[in-house]
């Protein structure tokens, strides 16, 4: 995450089984109110709903059960996502 612009940070990572994925880390628009994290990390792209209106964001996080990394820093969110990916 570029702190000056608030834009997402994109990083290619290689998992243990030599699969390369693009990880997107974004700063939570609502400072963790709905996601319970300041930063979230996603494979390939973040769902649009994480940056939508309050109601859309609340509904998204209430029902989302997919793969996401969460953390208090961008690096922590990325590490959490990679840990979850390697556990699959």
Protein backbone atom coordinates (compact mmCIF):
# COMPACT_ATOMS: atom_id res chain seq x y z
CA UNK A 1 0.00 0.00 0.00
CA UNK A 2 1.32 3.39 -0.94
CA UNK A 3 0.59 5.45 2.19
CA UNK A 4 0.78 8.73 0.28
CA UNK A 5 -1.80 7.82 -2.35
CA UNK A 6 -3.80 5.07 -0.64
CA UNK A 7 -3.46 2.86 -3.73
CA UNK A 8 -3.25 -0.90 -3.54
CA UNK A 9 0.08 -2.66 -3.47
CA UNK A 10 0.44 -5.48 -6.02
CA UNK A 11 3.08 -8.17 -5.50
CA UNK A 12 3.77 -11.43 -7.30
CA UNK A 13 4.53 -14.22 -4.85
CA UNK A 14 5.63 -17.82 -5.32
CA UNK A 15 4.04 -20.43 -3.09
CA UNK A 16 5.78 -23.56 -1.82
CA UNK A 17 4.56 -25.57 -4.81
CA UNK A 18 6.05 -23.05 -7.30
CA UNK A 19 2.71 -21.44 -8.20
CA UNK A 20 3.00 -17.70 -8.83
CA UNK A 21 0.07 -15.50 -7.77
CA UNK A 22 -0.53 -11.77 -7.69
CA UNK A 23 -1.36 -10.51 -4.21
CA UNK A 24 -3.26 -7.24 -3.80
CA UNK A 25 -3.07 -5.47 -0.44
CA UNK A 26 -5.46 -2.62 0.27
CA UNK A 27 -5.96 -0.30 3.20
CA UNK A 28 -9.45 -0.80 4.58
CA UNK A 29 -11.67 2.16 3.69
CA UNK A 30 -13.59 1.88 6.95
CA UNK A 31 -10.48 1.30 9.15
CA UNK A 32 -11.55 -2.24 9.98
CA UNK A 33 -15.10 -1.45 11.09
CA UNK A 34 -16.53 -4.28 8.95
CA UNK A 35 -13.49 -6.37 8.00
CA UNK A 36 -11.89 -6.33 11.48
CA UNK A 37 -8.52 -5.38 9.96
CA UNK A 38 -6.75 -2.22 8.83
CA UNK A 39 -5.41 -4.00 5.72
CA UNK A 40 -6.73 -6.86 3.63
CA UNK A 41 -4.85 -9.01 1.11
CA UNK A 42 -6.40 -10.74 -1.89
CA UNK A 43 -5.36 -13.05 -4.71
CA UNK A 44 -5.54 -11.28 -8.10
CA UNK A 45 -8.11 -8.61 -7.16
CA UNK A 46 -10.16 -7.32 -4.26
CA UNK A 47 -13.94 -7.55 -4.54
CA UNK A 48 -15.56 -4.20 -5.36
CA UNK A 49 -17.80 -4.39 -2.29
CA UNK A 50 -14.86 -3.85 0.10
CA UNK A 51 -14.70 -0.24 -1.12
CA UNK A 52 -18.44 0.39 -1.64
CA UNK A 53 -21.00 2.11 0.55
CA UNK A 54 -21.35 1.33 4.25
CA UNK A 55 -24.33 -0.95 3.64
CA UNK A 56 -22.69 -2.84 0.76
CA UNK A 57 -19.47 -3.28 2.71
CA UNK A 58 -21.31 -4.47 5.82
CA UNK A 59 -23.32 -6.99 3.77
CA UNK A 60 -20.19 -8.20 2.02
CA UNK A 61 -18.26 -8.90 5.22
CA UNK A 62 -21.28 -10.44 6.94
CA UNK A 63 -21.56 -13.05 4.19
CA UNK A 64 -18.00 -13.44 2.81
CA UNK A 65 -16.40 -16.80 3.59
CA UNK A 66 -13.65 -16.79 0.97
CA UNK A 67 -9.90 -16.44 1.13
CA UNK A 68 -8.55 -13.15 2.50
CA UNK A 69 -5.55 -12.12 4.55
CA UNK A 70 -6.04 -9.58 7.31
CA UNK A 71 -3.65 -7.54 9.40
CA UNK A 72 -2.86 -4.32 11.19
CA UNK A 73 -0.17 -3.59 8.57
CA UNK A 74 0.06 -4.29 4.85
CA UNK A 75 2.84 -6.80 5.47
CA UNK A 76 0.84 -8.59 8.18
CA UNK A 77 -2.17 -8.93 5.83
CA UNK A 78 0.04 -10.33 3.07
CA UNK A 79 1.69 -12.78 5.46
CA UNK A 80 -1.73 -13.90 6.75
CA UNK A 81 -2.94 -14.51 3.20
CA UNK A 82 0.17 -16.49 2.28
CA UNK A 83 -0.18 -18.59 5.44
CA UNK A 84 -3.79 -19.37 4.52
CA UNK A 85 -2.83 -20.19 0.91
CA UNK A 86 -0.10 -22.59 1.99
CA UNK A 87 -2.55 -24.31 4.35
CA UNK A 88 -5.00 -25.10 1.50
